[in-house]
Amino acid sequence: MAIVKKKLKIEGMHCTSCAMTIDMDLEDLVGVESSDTSYAKEITEVKFEEEKVNMDDIVQVIEKSGYKAIPLET
């Protein structure tokens, strides 16, 4: 079971509650171990199991929450 850590740029957050919403929604996704979103940096860092979830799934959850997500190369 390989855990990977990826960063995404988040657009459209207006406050720290937006960041908390993203974290809660991502942590509900099967395979996501943790999510740490920074409103100030406009970045979220997600730890997840590649066997259970992929970046497309993660981006989709963030966009359903009302934000734009752009995967960053790490």
PDB file of N, CA and C in Angstrom:
ATOM      1  N   MET A   1       0.849  -1.181   0.000  1.00  0.00           N
ATOM      2  CA  MET A   1       0.000   0.000   0.000  1.00  0.00           C
ATOM      3  C   MET A   1       0.893   1.243   0.000  1.00  0.00           C
ATOM      4  N   ALA A   2       0.947   1.920  -1.119  1.00  0.00           N
ATOM      5  CA  ALA A   2       1.808   3.101  -1.264  1.00  0.00           C
ATOM      6  C   ALA A   2       1.003   4.367  -1.019  1.00  0.00           C
ATOM      7  N   ILE A   3       1.481   5.155  -0.069  1.00  0.00           N
ATOM      8  CA  ILE A   3       0.871   6.461   0.206  1.00  0.00           C
ATOM      9  C   ILE A   3       1.696   7.512  -0.536  1.00  0.00           C
ATOM     10  N   VAL A   4       1.019   8.334  -1.317  1.00  0.00           N
ATOM     11  CA  VAL A   4       1.707   9.409  -2.021  1.00  0.00           C
ATOM     12  C   VAL A   4       1.192  10.752  -1.501  1.00  0.00           C
ATOM     13  N   LYS A   5       2.027  11.765  -1.654  1.00  0.00           N
ATOM     14  CA  LYS A   5       1.664  13.115  -1.228  1.00  0.00           C
ATOM     15  C   LYS A   5       1.742  14.020  -2.443  1.00  0.00           C
ATOM     16  N   LYS A   6       0.649  14.703  -2.734  1.00  0.00           N
ATOM     17  CA  LYS A   6       0.592  15.615  -3.882  1.00  0.00           C
ATOM     18  C   LYS A   6       0.043  16.961  -3.443  1.00  0.00           C
ATOM     19  N   LYS A   7       0.457  18.011  -4.156  1.00  0.00           N
ATOM     20  CA  LYS A   7      -0.031  19.358  -3.892  1.00  0.00           C
ATOM     21  C   LYS A   7      -0.893  19.833  -5.058  1.00  0.00           C
ATOM     22  N   LEU A   8      -1.892  20.620  -4.722  1.00  0.00           N
ATOM     23  CA  LEU A   8      -2.749  21.230  -5.733  1.00  0.00           C
ATOM     24  C   LEU A   8      -2.923  22.703  -5.398  1.00  0.00           C
ATOM     25  N   LYS A   9      -2.939  23.539  -6.428  1.00  0.00           N
ATOM     26  CA  LYS A   9      -3.266  24.956  -6.256  1.00  0.00           C
ATOM     27  C   LYS A   9      -4.784  25.046  -6.254  1.00  0.00           C
ATOM     28  N   ILE A  10      -5.325  25.793  -5.297  1.00  0.00           N
ATOM     29  CA  ILE A  10      -6.769  25.943  -5.179  1.00  0.00           C
ATOM     30  C   ILE A  10      -7.145  27.386  -5.478  1.00  0.00           C
ATOM     31  N   GLU A  11      -8.108  27.569  -6.366  1.00  0.00           N
ATOM     32  CA  GLU A  11      -8.608  28.910  -6.691  1.00  0.00           C
ATOM     33  C   GLU A  11     -10.056  29.023  -6.255  1.00  0.00           C
ATOM     34  N   GLY A  12     -10.416  30.182  -5.735  1.00  0.00           N
ATOM     35  CA  GLY A  12     -11.806  30.446  -5.378  1.00  0.00           C
ATOM     36  C   GLY A  12     -12.106  30.408  -3.890  1.00  0.00           C
ATOM     37  N   MET A  13     -11.085  30.185  -3.047  1.00  0.00           N
ATOM     38  CA  MET A  13     -11.324  30.214  -1.594  1.00  0.00           C
ATOM     39  C   MET A  13     -11.452  31.663  -1.140  1.00  0.00           C
ATOM     40  N   HIS A  14     -12.372  31.899  -0.190  1.00  0.00           N
ATOM     41  CA  HIS A  14     -12.594  33.248   0.318  1.00  0.00           C
ATOM     42  C   HIS A  14     -12.212  33.395   1.789  1.00  0.00           C
ATOM     43  N   CYS A  15     -12.029  32.254   2.491  1.00  0.00           N
ATOM     44  CA  CYS A  15     -11.739  32.311   3.924  1.00  0.00           C
ATOM     45  C   CYS A  15     -11.222  30.957   4.402  1.00  0.00           C
ATOM     46  N   THR A  16     -10.884  30.891   5.682  1.00  0.00           N
ATOM     47  CA  THR A  16     -10.386  29.628   6.228  1.00  0.00           C
ATOM     48  C   THR A  16     -11.473  28.556   6.263  1.00  0.00           C
ATOM     49  N   SER A  17     -12.726  28.949   6.315  1.00  0.00           N
ATOM     50  CA  SER A  17     -13.811  27.960   6.276  1.00  0.00           C
ATOM     51  C   SER A  17     -13.823  27.223   4.937  1.00  0.00           C
ATOM     52  N   CYS A  18     -13.464  27.918   3.872  1.00  0.00           N
ATOM     53  CA  CYS A  18     -13.355  27.276   2.558  1.00  0.00           C
ATOM     54  C   CYS A  18     -12.306  26.162   2.620  1.00  0.00           C
ATOM     55  N   ALA A  19     -11.167  26.452   3.243  1.00  0.00           N
ATOM     56  CA  ALA A  19     -10.098  25.461   3.362  1.00  0.00           C
ATOM     57  C   ALA A  19     -10.570  24.262   4.176  1.00  0.00           C
ATOM     58  N   MET A  20     -11.297  24.513   5.259  1.00  0.00           N
ATOM     59  CA  MET A  20     -11.807  23.418   6.082  1.00  0.00           C
ATOM     60  C   MET A  20     -12.810  22.567   5.315  1.00  0.00           C
ATOM     61  N   THR A  21     -13.633  23.201   4.489  1.00  0.00           N
ATOM     62  CA  THR A  21     -14.605  22.461   3.670  1.00  0.00           C
ATOM     63  C   THR A  21     -13.884  21.518   2.723  1.00  0.00           C
ATOM     64  N   ILE A  22     -12.844  22.001   2.066  1.00  0.00           N
ATOM     65  CA  ILE A  22     -12.068  21.167   1.148  1.00  0.00           C
ATOM     66  C   ILE A  22     -11.467  19.981   1.897  1.00  0.00           C
ATOM     67  N   ASP A  23     -10.864  20.238   3.058  1.00  0.00           N
ATOM     68  CA  ASP A  23     -10.262  19.155   3.836  1.00  0.00           C
ATOM     69  C   ASP A  23     -11.293  18.108   4.230  1.00  0.00           C
ATOM     70  N   MET A  24     -12.441  18.542   4.719  1.00  0.00           N
ATOM     71  CA  MET A  24     -13.474  17.584   5.136  1.00  0.00           C
ATOM     72  C   MET A  24     -13.976  16.762   3.953  1.00  0.00           C
ATOM     73  N   ASP A  25     -14.215  17.424   2.825  1.00  0.00           N
ATOM     74  CA  ASP A  25     -14.716  16.710   1.648  1.00  0.00           C
ATOM     75  C   ASP A  25     -13.696  15.702   1.134  1.00  0.00           C
ATOM     76  N   LEU A  26     -12.422  16.083   1.110  1.00  0.00           N
ATOM     77  CA  LEU A  26     -11.385  15.157   0.635  1.00  0.00           C
ATOM     78  C   LEU A  26     -11.203  13.990   1.596  1.00  0.00           C
ATOM     79  N   GLU A  27     -11.243  14.251   2.895  1.00  0.00           N
ATOM     80  CA  GLU A  27     -11.042  13.188   3.874  1.00  0.00           C
ATOM     81  C   GLU A  27     -12.197  12.197   3.895  1.00  0.00           C
ATOM     82  N   ASP A  28     -13.339  12.568   3.323  1.00  0.00           N
ATOM     83  CA  ASP A  28     -14.463  11.630   3.174  1.00  0.00           C
ATOM     84  C   ASP A  28     -14.248  10.675   2.001  1.00  0.00           C
ATOM     85  N   LEU A  29     -13.306  10.992   1.131  1.00  0.00           N
ATOM     86  CA  LEU A  29     -13.041  10.179  -0.061  1.00  0.00           C
ATOM     87  C   LEU A  29     -12.235   8.942   0.327  1.00  0.00           C
ATOM     88  N   VAL A  30     -12.722   7.775  -0.072  1.00  0.00           N
ATOM     89  CA  VAL A  30     -12.034   6.517   0.240  1.00  0.00           C
ATOM     90  C   VAL A  30     -10.642   6.534  -0.384  1.00  0.00           C
ATOM     91  N   GLY A  31      -9.635   6.258   0.433  1.00  0.00           N
ATOM     92  CA  GLY A  31      -8.256   6.244  -0.040  1.00  0.00           C
ATOM     93  C   GLY A  31      -7.463   7.477   0.347  1.00  0.00           C
ATOM     94  N   VAL A  32      -8.151   8.543   0.751  1.00  0.00           N
ATOM     95  CA  VAL A  32      -7.451   9.755   1.190  1.00  0.00           C
ATOM     96  C   VAL A  32      -7.127   9.616   2.667  1.00  0.00           C
ATOM     97  N   GLU A  33      -5.836   9.693   2.973  1.00  0.00           N
ATOM     98  CA  GLU A  33      -5.377   9.578   4.364  1.00  0.00           C
ATOM     99  C   GLU A  33      -5.513  10.906   5.092  1.00  0.00           C
ATOM    100  N   SER A  34      -5.098  11.999   4.425  1.00  0.00           N
ATOM    101  CA  SER A  34      -5.210  13.318   5.039  1.00  0.00           C
ATOM    102  C   SER A  34      -5.184  14.404   3.979  1.00  0.00           C
ATOM    103  N   SER A  35      -5.698  15.560   4.378  1.00  0.00           N
ATOM    104  CA  SER A  35      -5.706  16.732   3.510  1.00  0.00           C
ATOM    105  C   SER A  35      -5.379  17.936   4.369  1.00  0.00           C
ATOM    106  N   ASP A  36      -4.463  18.774   3.894  1.00  0.00           N
ATOM    107  CA  ASP A  36      -4.080  19.977   4.622  1.00  0.00           C
ATOM    108  C   ASP A  36      -4.141  21.151   3.645  1.00  0.00           C
ATOM    109  N   THR A  37      -5.185  21.943   3.773  1.00  0.00           N
ATOM    110  CA  THR A  37      -5.401  23.061   2.861  1.00  0.00           C
ATOM    111  C   THR A  37      -5.056  24.371   3.546  1.00  0.00           C
ATOM    112  N   SER A  38      -4.279  25.210   2.868  1.00  0.00           N
ATOM    113  CA  SER A  38      -3.908  26.524   3.378  1.00  0.00           C
ATOM    114  C   SER A  38      -4.623  27.602   2.566  1.00  0.00           C
ATOM    115  N   TYR A  39      -5.496  28.339   3.243  1.00  0.00           N
ATOM    116  CA  TYR A  39      -6.174  29.453   2.583  1.00  0.00           C
ATOM    117  C   TYR A  39      -5.155  30.516   2.173  1.00  0.00           C
ATOM    118  N   ALA A  40      -4.207  30.816   3.042  1.00  0.00           N
ATOM    119  CA  ALA A  40      -3.218  31.867   2.781  1.00  0.00           C
ATOM    120  C   ALA A  40      -2.329  31.531   1.584  1.00  0.00           C
ATOM    121  N   LYS A  41      -1.929  30.266   1.463  1.00  0.00           N
ATOM    122  CA  LYS A  41      -1.046  29.850   0.374  1.00  0.00           C
ATOM    123  C   LYS A  41      -1.797  29.388  -0.868  1.00  0.00           C
ATOM    124  N   GLU A  42      -3.121  29.213  -0.745  1.00  0.00           N
ATOM    125  CA  GLU A  42      -3.970  28.701  -1.832  1.00  0.00           C
ATOM    126  C   GLU A  42      -3.475  27.343  -2.334  1.00  0.00           C
ATOM    127  N   ILE A  43      -3.086  26.482  -1.377  1.00  0.00           N
ATOM    128  CA  ILE A  43      -2.547  25.166  -1.722  1.00  0.00           C
ATOM    129  C   ILE A  43      -3.183  24.125  -0.814  1.00  0.00           C
ATOM    130  N   THR A  44      -3.427  22.947  -1.360  1.00  0.00           N
ATOM    131  CA  THR A  44      -3.802  21.807  -0.529  1.00  0.00           C
ATOM    132  C   THR A  44      -2.792  20.699  -0.767  1.00  0.00           C
ATOM    133  N   GLU A  45      -2.449  20.011   0.314  1.00  0.00           N
ATOM    134  CA  GLU A  45      -1.538  18.885   0.242  1.00  0.00           C
ATOM    135  C   GLU A  45      -2.332  17.654   0.660  1.00  0.00           C
ATOM    136  N   VAL A  46      -2.391  16.665  -0.213  1.00  0.00           N
ATOM    137  CA  VAL A  46      -3.207  15.479   0.026  1.00  0.00           C
ATOM    138  C   VAL A  46      -2.321  14.250   0.079  1.00  0.00           C
ATOM    139  N   LYS A  47      -2.522  13.427   1.117  1.00  0.00           N
ATOM    140  CA  LYS A  47      -1.866  12.127   1.209  1.00  0.00           C
ATOM    141  C   LYS A  47      -2.925  11.081   0.900  1.00  0.00           C
ATOM    142  N   PHE A  48      -2.610  10.207  -0.074  1.00  0.00           N
ATOM    143  CA  PHE A  48      -3.617   9.221  -0.474  1.00  0.00           C
ATOM    144  C   PHE A  48      -2.979   7.935  -0.996  1.00  0.00           C
ATOM    145  N   GLU A  49      -3.802   6.893  -1.046  1.00  0.00           N
ATOM    146  CA  GLU A  49      -3.377   5.599  -1.571  1.00  0.00           C
ATOM    147  C   GLU A  49      -3.707   5.550  -3.058  1.00  0.00           C
ATOM    148  N   GLU A  50      -2.678   5.463  -3.890  1.00  0.00           N
ATOM    149  CA  GLU A  50      -2.891   5.469  -5.342  1.00  0.00           C
ATOM    150  C   GLU A  50      -3.728   4.279  -5.815  1.00  0.00           C
ATOM    151  N   GLU A  51      -3.717   3.188  -5.049  1.00  0.00           N
ATOM    152  CA  GLU A  51      -4.494   2.008  -5.448  1.00  0.00           C
ATOM    153  C   GLU A  51      -5.999   2.236  -5.285  1.00  0.00           C
ATOM    154  N   LYS A  52      -6.376   3.200  -4.440  1.00  0.00           N
ATOM    155  CA  LYS A  52      -7.792   3.419  -4.135  1.00  0.00           C
ATOM    156  C   LYS A  52      -8.373   4.684  -4.744  1.00  0.00           C
ATOM    157  N   VAL A  53      -7.533   5.685  -4.990  1.00  0.00           N
ATOM    158  CA  VAL A  53      -8.023   6.977  -5.479  1.00  0.00           C
ATOM    159  C   VAL A  53      -6.937   7.622  -6.337  1.00  0.00           C
ATOM    160  N   ASN A  54      -7.351   8.418  -7.326  1.00  0.00           N
ATOM    161  CA  ASN A  54      -6.359   9.086  -8.184  1.00  0.00           C
ATOM    162  C   ASN A  54      -6.602  10.600  -8.190  1.00  0.00           C
ATOM    163  N   MET A  55      -5.709  11.312  -8.860  1.00  0.00           N
ATOM    164  CA  MET A  55      -5.796  12.775  -8.879  1.00  0.00           C
ATOM    165  C   MET A  55      -7.087  13.271  -9.523  1.00  0.00           C
ATOM    166  N   ASP A  56      -7.575  12.561 -10.535  1.00  0.00           N
ATOM    167  CA  ASP A  56      -8.834  12.981 -11.161  1.00  0.00           C
ATOM    168  C   ASP A  56      -9.975  12.967 -10.148  1.00  0.00           C
ATOM    169  N   ASP A  57     -10.009  11.918  -9.291  1.00  0.00           N
ATOM    170  CA  ASP A  57     -11.043  11.833  -8.258  1.00  0.00           C
ATOM    171  C   ASP A  57     -10.923  12.994  -7.275  1.00  0.00           C
ATOM    172  N   ILE A  58      -9.699  13.302  -6.890  1.00  0.00           N
ATOM    173  CA  ILE A  58      -9.439  14.379  -5.923  1.00  0.00           C
ATOM    174  C   ILE A  58      -9.851  15.731  -6.503  1.00  0.00           C
ATOM    175  N   VAL A  59      -9.457  15.997  -7.741  1.00  0.00           N
ATOM    176  CA  VAL A  59      -9.830  17.254  -8.404  1.00  0.00           C
ATOM    177  C   VAL A  59     -11.351  17.363  -8.508  1.00  0.00           C
ATOM    178  N   GLN A  60     -12.002  16.255  -8.843  1.00  0.00           N
ATOM    179  CA  GLN A  60     -13.461  16.240  -8.991  1.00  0.00           C
ATOM    180  C   GLN A  60     -14.156  16.609  -7.672  1.00  0.00           C
ATOM    181  N   VAL A  61     -13.681  16.065  -6.557  1.00  0.00           N
ATOM    182  CA  VAL A  61     -14.267  16.375  -5.248  1.00  0.00           C
ATOM    183  C   VAL A  61     -14.102  17.857  -4.928  1.00  0.00           C
ATOM    184  N   ILE A  62     -12.916  18.400  -5.174  1.00  0.00           N
ATOM    185  CA  ILE A  62     -12.671  19.819  -4.896  1.00  0.00           C
ATOM    186  C   ILE A  62     -13.570  20.693  -5.762  1.00  0.00           C
ATOM    187  N   GLU A  63     -13.711  20.338  -7.031  1.00  0.00           N
ATOM    188  CA  GLU A  63     -14.542  21.143  -7.933  1.00  0.00           C
ATOM    189  C   GLU A  63     -16.019  21.028  -7.582  1.00  0.00           C
ATOM    190  N   LYS A  64     -16.463  19.864  -7.077  1.00  0.00           N
ATOM    191  CA  LYS A  64     -17.850  19.727  -6.609  1.00  0.00           C
ATOM    192  C   LYS A  64     -18.098  20.607  -5.394  1.00  0.00           C
ATOM    193  N   SER A  65     -17.031  20.890  -4.639  1.00  0.00           N
ATOM    194  CA  SER A  65     -17.140  21.772  -3.469  1.00  0.00           C
ATOM    195  C   SER A  65     -17.198  23.243  -3.881  1.00  0.00           C
ATOM    196  N   GLY A  66     -16.939  23.531  -5.163  1.00  0.00           N
ATOM    197  CA  GLY A  66     -17.068  24.897  -5.662  1.00  0.00           C
ATOM    198  C   GLY A  66     -15.761  25.635  -5.903  1.00  0.00           C
ATOM    199  N   TYR A  67     -14.653  24.893  -5.953  1.00  0.00           N
ATOM    200  CA  TYR A  67     -13.345  25.522  -6.134  1.00  0.00           C
ATOM    201  C   TYR A  67     -12.648  24.934  -7.359  1.00  0.00           C
ATOM    202  N   LYS A  68     -11.652  25.631  -7.844  1.00  0.00           N
ATOM    203  CA  LYS A  68     -10.856  25.130  -8.965  1.00  0.00           C
ATOM    204  C   LYS A  68      -9.566  24.527  -8.409  1.00  0.00           C
ATOM    205  N   ALA A  69      -9.217  23.342  -8.875  1.00  0.00           N
ATOM    206  CA  ALA A  69      -8.019  22.647  -8.390  1.00  0.00           C
ATOM    207  C   ALA A  69      -7.071  22.374  -9.550  1.00  0.00           C
ATOM    208  N   ILE A  70      -5.803  22.729  -9.360  1.00  0.00           N
ATOM    209  CA  ILE A  70      -4.798  22.535 -10.382  1.00  0.00           C
ATOM    210  C   ILE A  70      -3.640  21.729  -9.765  1.00  0.00           C
ATOM    211  N   PRO A  71      -3.465  20.467 -10.186  1.00  0.00           N
ATOM    212  CA  PRO A  71      -2.348  19.679  -9.639  1.00  0.00           C
ATOM    213  C   PRO A  71      -1.012  20.338  -9.936  1.00  0.00           C
ATOM    214  N   LEU A  72      -0.121  20.329  -8.946  1.00  0.00           N
ATOM    215  CA  LEU A  72       1.220  20.891  -9.091  1.00  0.00           C
ATOM    216  C   LEU A  72       2.225  19.753  -9.184  1.00  0.00           C
ATOM    217  N   GLU A  73       3.271  19.975  -9.952  1.00  0.00           N
ATOM    218  CA  GLU A  73       4.339  18.973 -10.042  1.00  0.00           C
ATOM    219  C   GLU A  73       5.173  19.046  -8.775  1.00  0.00           C
ATOM    220  N   THR A  74       5.429  17.878  -8.188  1.00  0.00           N
ATOM    221  CA  THR A  74       6.261  17.854  -6.962  1.00  0.00           C
ATOM    222  C   THR A  74       7.436  16.937  -7.127  1.00  0.00           C
TER     223      THR A  74
END
